[in-house]
N, C-alpha and C. Protein backbone atom coordinates (compact mmCIF):
# COMPACT_ATOMS: atom_id res chain seq x y z
N MET A 1 -252.77 -48.91 194.66
CA MET A 1 -254.18 -49.00 194.60
C MET A 1 -254.73 -49.01 196.11
N LYS A 2 -255.85 -48.28 196.33
CA LYS A 2 -256.50 -48.31 197.62
C LYS A 2 -257.79 -48.83 197.58
N PRO A 3 -258.13 -49.72 198.68
CA PRO A 3 -259.36 -50.39 198.76
C PRO A 3 -260.53 -49.44 199.05
N VAL A 4 -261.65 -49.66 198.36
CA VAL A 4 -262.91 -48.87 198.47
C VAL A 4 -264.13 -49.77 198.53
N THR A 5 -265.25 -49.29 199.07
CA THR A 5 -266.49 -50.01 198.85
C THR A 5 -267.43 -48.95 198.50
N LEU A 6 -268.21 -49.34 197.44
CA LEU A 6 -269.31 -48.54 196.85
C LEU A 6 -270.53 -49.11 197.46
N GLU A 7 -271.37 -48.17 197.98
CA GLU A 7 -272.72 -48.47 198.47
C GLU A 7 -273.77 -47.87 197.67
N VAL A 8 -274.83 -48.66 197.25
CA VAL A 8 -275.98 -48.15 196.50
C VAL A 8 -276.97 -47.79 197.66
N HIS A 9 -277.21 -46.58 198.03
CA HIS A 9 -278.07 -46.12 199.12
C HIS A 9 -279.46 -45.89 198.60
N PRO A 10 -280.47 -46.51 199.11
CA PRO A 10 -281.82 -46.41 198.55
C PRO A 10 -282.36 -44.96 198.87
N GLY A 11 -283.24 -44.58 198.03
CA GLY A 11 -283.95 -43.24 198.24
C GLY A 11 -285.42 -43.33 197.65
N ASN A 12 -286.05 -42.22 197.63
CA ASN A 12 -287.42 -42.26 197.25
C ASN A 12 -287.58 -42.37 195.74
N THR A 13 -287.04 -41.54 194.89
CA THR A 13 -287.07 -41.68 193.50
C THR A 13 -285.69 -41.91 192.90
N GLN A 14 -284.64 -41.95 193.65
CA GLN A 14 -283.33 -42.28 193.13
C GLN A 14 -282.45 -42.81 194.17
N CYS A 15 -281.25 -43.42 193.84
CA CYS A 15 -280.33 -44.10 194.68
C CYS A 15 -279.15 -43.22 194.65
N ARG A 16 -278.56 -42.91 195.78
CA ARG A 16 -277.26 -42.24 195.85
C ARG A 16 -276.15 -43.27 195.95
N LEU A 17 -275.01 -43.05 195.32
CA LEU A 17 -273.93 -43.85 195.40
C LEU A 17 -272.85 -43.24 196.33
N TYR A 18 -272.54 -44.03 197.34
CA TYR A 18 -271.53 -43.52 198.34
C TYR A 18 -270.36 -44.45 198.37
N LEU A 19 -269.10 -43.75 198.45
CA LEU A 19 -267.95 -44.47 198.44
C LEU A 19 -267.35 -44.40 199.87
N TRP A 20 -266.84 -45.52 200.38
CA TRP A 20 -266.31 -45.75 201.67
C TRP A 20 -264.87 -45.99 201.40
N PRO A 21 -263.93 -45.47 202.26
CA PRO A 21 -262.43 -45.57 202.11
C PRO A 21 -261.83 -46.83 202.54
N THR A 22 -262.57 -47.99 202.42
CA THR A 22 -262.05 -49.19 202.90
C THR A 22 -262.94 -50.31 202.40
N HIS A 23 -262.51 -51.60 202.46
CA HIS A 23 -263.52 -52.64 202.28
C HIS A 23 -264.15 -53.01 203.60
N MET A 24 -265.24 -53.63 203.42
CA MET A 24 -266.06 -53.98 204.73
C MET A 24 -265.54 -55.30 205.24
N ARG A 25 -265.70 -55.52 206.58
CA ARG A 25 -265.30 -56.81 207.15
C ARG A 25 -266.43 -57.76 206.81
N PRO A 26 -266.15 -59.08 206.94
CA PRO A 26 -267.15 -60.10 206.69
C PRO A 26 -268.40 -59.76 207.50
N ASP A 27 -269.62 -59.93 206.94
CA ASP A 27 -270.86 -59.70 207.64
C ASP A 27 -271.05 -58.14 208.03
N GLN A 28 -270.28 -57.26 207.53
CA GLN A 28 -270.52 -55.91 207.70
C GLN A 28 -271.03 -55.18 206.52
N HIS A 29 -271.88 -54.27 206.70
CA HIS A 29 -272.52 -53.54 205.73
C HIS A 29 -272.40 -51.93 206.01
N PRO A 30 -272.39 -51.17 205.03
CA PRO A 30 -272.24 -49.74 205.33
C PRO A 30 -273.30 -49.10 206.16
N ARG A 31 -274.50 -49.76 206.10
CA ARG A 31 -275.71 -49.27 206.85
C ARG A 31 -275.38 -49.40 208.35
N ASP A 32 -274.44 -50.26 208.70
CA ASP A 32 -273.95 -50.48 210.05
C ASP A 32 -273.07 -49.28 210.57
N LEU A 33 -272.47 -48.64 209.62
CA LEU A 33 -271.46 -47.56 209.92
C LEU A 33 -272.09 -46.17 209.97
N TRP A 34 -273.27 -46.06 209.28
CA TRP A 34 -273.80 -44.72 209.10
C TRP A 34 -273.88 -43.85 210.37
N PRO A 35 -274.36 -44.45 211.56
CA PRO A 35 -274.50 -43.72 212.63
C PRO A 35 -273.39 -42.95 213.22
N ASN A 36 -272.09 -43.66 213.14
CA ASN A 36 -270.97 -43.14 213.72
C ASN A 36 -269.91 -42.72 212.67
N TYR A 37 -269.97 -43.30 211.50
CA TYR A 37 -268.92 -42.97 210.55
C TYR A 37 -269.42 -42.43 209.20
N GLY A 38 -270.61 -42.17 209.16
CA GLY A 38 -271.19 -41.61 207.91
C GLY A 38 -270.36 -40.39 207.35
N HIS A 39 -269.75 -39.77 208.15
CA HIS A 39 -268.89 -38.61 207.60
C HIS A 39 -267.78 -39.06 206.72
N LEU A 40 -267.42 -40.30 206.83
CA LEU A 40 -266.28 -40.82 205.99
C LEU A 40 -266.73 -41.13 204.56
N ALA A 41 -267.97 -41.42 204.35
CA ALA A 41 -268.55 -41.70 203.02
C ALA A 41 -268.66 -40.51 202.17
N LYS A 42 -268.39 -40.65 200.91
CA LYS A 42 -268.39 -39.47 199.92
C LYS A 42 -269.39 -39.86 198.87
N GLU A 43 -270.32 -38.91 198.55
CA GLU A 43 -271.34 -39.19 197.46
C GLU A 43 -270.52 -39.15 196.07
N VAL A 44 -270.72 -40.18 195.23
CA VAL A 44 -269.91 -40.21 194.12
C VAL A 44 -270.88 -40.43 192.80
N GLY A 45 -272.21 -40.53 193.07
CA GLY A 45 -273.07 -40.59 191.89
C GLY A 45 -274.53 -40.85 192.37
N ILE A 46 -275.37 -40.84 191.26
CA ILE A 46 -276.71 -41.11 191.45
C ILE A 46 -277.35 -41.94 190.45
N LEU A 47 -278.19 -42.94 190.82
CA LEU A 47 -278.97 -43.70 189.82
C LEU A 47 -280.48 -43.16 189.93
N ASP A 48 -281.04 -43.23 188.76
CA ASP A 48 -282.45 -42.82 188.62
C ASP A 48 -283.42 -43.94 189.07
N SER A 49 -284.71 -43.72 188.98
CA SER A 49 -285.62 -44.61 189.45
C SER A 49 -285.63 -45.93 188.58
N ASN A 50 -285.00 -45.91 187.49
CA ASN A 50 -284.83 -47.14 186.67
C ASN A 50 -283.46 -47.75 186.86
N LEU A 51 -282.72 -47.28 187.85
CA LEU A 51 -281.35 -47.71 188.15
C LEU A 51 -280.38 -47.50 187.12
N GLN A 52 -280.59 -46.38 186.34
CA GLN A 52 -279.66 -45.93 185.28
C GLN A 52 -278.84 -44.88 185.96
N ILE A 53 -277.50 -44.81 185.49
CA ILE A 53 -276.70 -43.72 186.03
C ILE A 53 -277.06 -42.27 185.49
N VAL A 54 -277.26 -41.30 186.44
CA VAL A 54 -277.50 -40.07 186.25
C VAL A 54 -276.21 -39.22 186.11
N CYS A 55 -275.34 -39.56 187.24
CA CYS A 55 -274.05 -39.01 187.35
C CYS A 55 -273.17 -39.87 188.06
N LEU A 56 -271.88 -39.92 187.74
CA LEU A 56 -270.91 -40.68 188.35
C LEU A 56 -269.44 -40.23 188.36
N ASP A 57 -268.91 -40.16 189.48
CA ASP A 57 -267.43 -39.63 189.47
C ASP A 57 -266.69 -40.26 188.49
N GLN A 58 -265.75 -39.61 187.77
CA GLN A 58 -265.01 -39.99 186.60
C GLN A 58 -264.08 -41.20 187.14
N ALA A 59 -263.67 -41.27 188.43
CA ALA A 59 -262.85 -42.41 188.85
C ALA A 59 -263.59 -43.65 188.86
N LEU A 60 -264.95 -43.64 188.91
CA LEU A 60 -265.72 -44.77 188.86
C LEU A 60 -266.35 -45.17 187.52
N ARG A 61 -266.08 -44.55 186.57
CA ARG A 61 -266.64 -44.81 185.25
C ARG A 61 -266.29 -46.19 184.69
N PRO A 62 -265.04 -46.70 184.98
CA PRO A 62 -264.81 -48.07 184.56
C PRO A 62 -265.73 -49.15 185.20
N TRP A 63 -266.38 -48.71 186.32
CA TRP A 63 -267.22 -49.68 187.00
C TRP A 63 -268.71 -49.48 186.62
N ALA A 64 -269.02 -48.56 185.54
CA ALA A 64 -270.40 -48.23 185.18
C ALA A 64 -271.24 -49.43 184.89
N HIS A 65 -270.62 -50.39 184.05
CA HIS A 65 -271.43 -51.54 183.61
C HIS A 65 -271.88 -52.41 184.90
N GLU A 66 -271.11 -52.38 185.98
CA GLU A 66 -271.39 -53.24 187.19
C GLU A 66 -272.33 -52.31 188.01
N ILE A 67 -272.36 -51.05 187.95
CA ILE A 67 -273.15 -50.18 188.85
C ILE A 67 -274.57 -49.93 188.30
N GLU A 68 -274.73 -49.74 187.05
CA GLU A 68 -276.01 -49.64 186.47
C GLU A 68 -276.95 -50.80 186.52
N GLY A 69 -278.10 -50.64 187.08
CA GLY A 69 -278.98 -51.79 187.28
C GLY A 69 -278.86 -52.47 188.63
N THR A 70 -277.95 -51.93 189.37
CA THR A 70 -277.69 -52.47 190.75
C THR A 70 -278.74 -52.17 191.73
N LEU A 71 -279.22 -53.11 192.41
CA LEU A 71 -280.35 -52.80 193.43
C LEU A 71 -279.92 -52.01 194.70
N PRO A 72 -280.82 -51.30 195.28
CA PRO A 72 -280.46 -50.59 196.55
C PRO A 72 -279.92 -51.52 197.54
N LEU A 73 -278.93 -51.02 198.30
CA LEU A 73 -278.29 -51.76 199.52
C LEU A 73 -277.27 -52.64 198.99
N THR A 74 -276.97 -52.75 197.68
CA THR A 74 -275.86 -53.53 197.11
C THR A 74 -274.59 -52.75 197.46
N ILE A 75 -273.53 -53.61 197.79
CA ILE A 75 -272.17 -52.98 197.86
C ILE A 75 -271.22 -53.64 196.95
N LEU A 76 -270.36 -52.94 196.36
CA LEU A 76 -269.31 -53.32 195.45
C LEU A 76 -268.09 -53.05 196.00
N GLU A 77 -267.01 -53.84 196.02
CA GLU A 77 -265.74 -53.59 196.56
C GLU A 77 -264.76 -53.60 195.31
N GLY A 78 -263.76 -52.66 195.50
CA GLY A 78 -262.69 -52.62 194.47
C GLY A 78 -261.56 -51.79 194.99
N HIS A 79 -260.78 -51.33 194.04
CA HIS A 79 -259.58 -50.58 194.36
C HIS A 79 -259.59 -49.35 193.40
N LEU A 80 -259.13 -48.18 193.85
CA LEU A 80 -258.89 -47.01 193.11
C LEU A 80 -257.45 -46.57 193.15
N PRO A 81 -256.98 -46.02 191.94
CA PRO A 81 -255.60 -45.54 192.07
C PRO A 81 -255.49 -44.45 193.15
N GLU A 82 -254.34 -44.32 193.75
CA GLU A 82 -254.10 -43.34 194.94
C GLU A 82 -254.50 -42.03 194.58
N GLU A 83 -254.18 -41.60 193.38
CA GLU A 83 -254.57 -40.09 193.15
C GLU A 83 -256.13 -39.89 193.09
N ASP A 84 -256.89 -40.81 192.61
CA ASP A 84 -258.35 -40.69 192.59
C ASP A 84 -258.84 -40.70 194.05
N TYR A 85 -258.32 -41.81 194.83
CA TYR A 85 -258.61 -41.98 196.16
C TYR A 85 -258.44 -40.77 197.03
N ASN A 86 -257.26 -39.98 196.86
CA ASN A 86 -256.91 -38.84 197.54
C ASN A 86 -257.78 -37.69 197.15
N ARG A 87 -258.15 -37.60 195.83
CA ARG A 87 -258.99 -36.57 195.41
C ARG A 87 -260.39 -36.71 196.05
N ILE A 88 -260.95 -37.89 196.20
CA ILE A 88 -262.27 -38.10 196.66
C ILE A 88 -262.22 -37.94 198.28
N PHE A 89 -261.23 -38.56 198.86
CA PHE A 89 -261.33 -38.61 200.37
C PHE A 89 -260.48 -37.48 201.06
N GLY A 90 -259.59 -36.93 200.27
CA GLY A 90 -258.69 -35.90 200.86
C GLY A 90 -257.79 -36.44 201.95
N GLU A 91 -257.49 -35.66 202.98
CA GLU A 91 -256.64 -36.06 203.95
C GLU A 91 -257.16 -36.95 205.08
N GLN A 92 -258.50 -37.05 205.13
CA GLN A 92 -259.19 -37.77 206.21
C GLN A 92 -258.82 -39.24 206.18
N ALA A 93 -258.59 -39.86 204.99
CA ALA A 93 -258.49 -41.32 204.86
C ALA A 93 -257.06 -41.86 205.20
């Protein structure tokens, strides 16, 4: 199992869900990483304006109940099986 961090990224009428290939350090947030490391994050889903899931990568479907209704700027940490991790992040991670 590989560590990942899911970020609920705010938008105008929807929130994008980005997955980072690691857990965050204490007091660290993905927004701190975007300027230099944004290329590491992968978009894995979208929440609509009511914070309901519009689409979600199949690897994260077990997390759906935790993701739906989550406010923007929230982060969730967890683990993915290595095959899902490699499919999402490829060779970069």
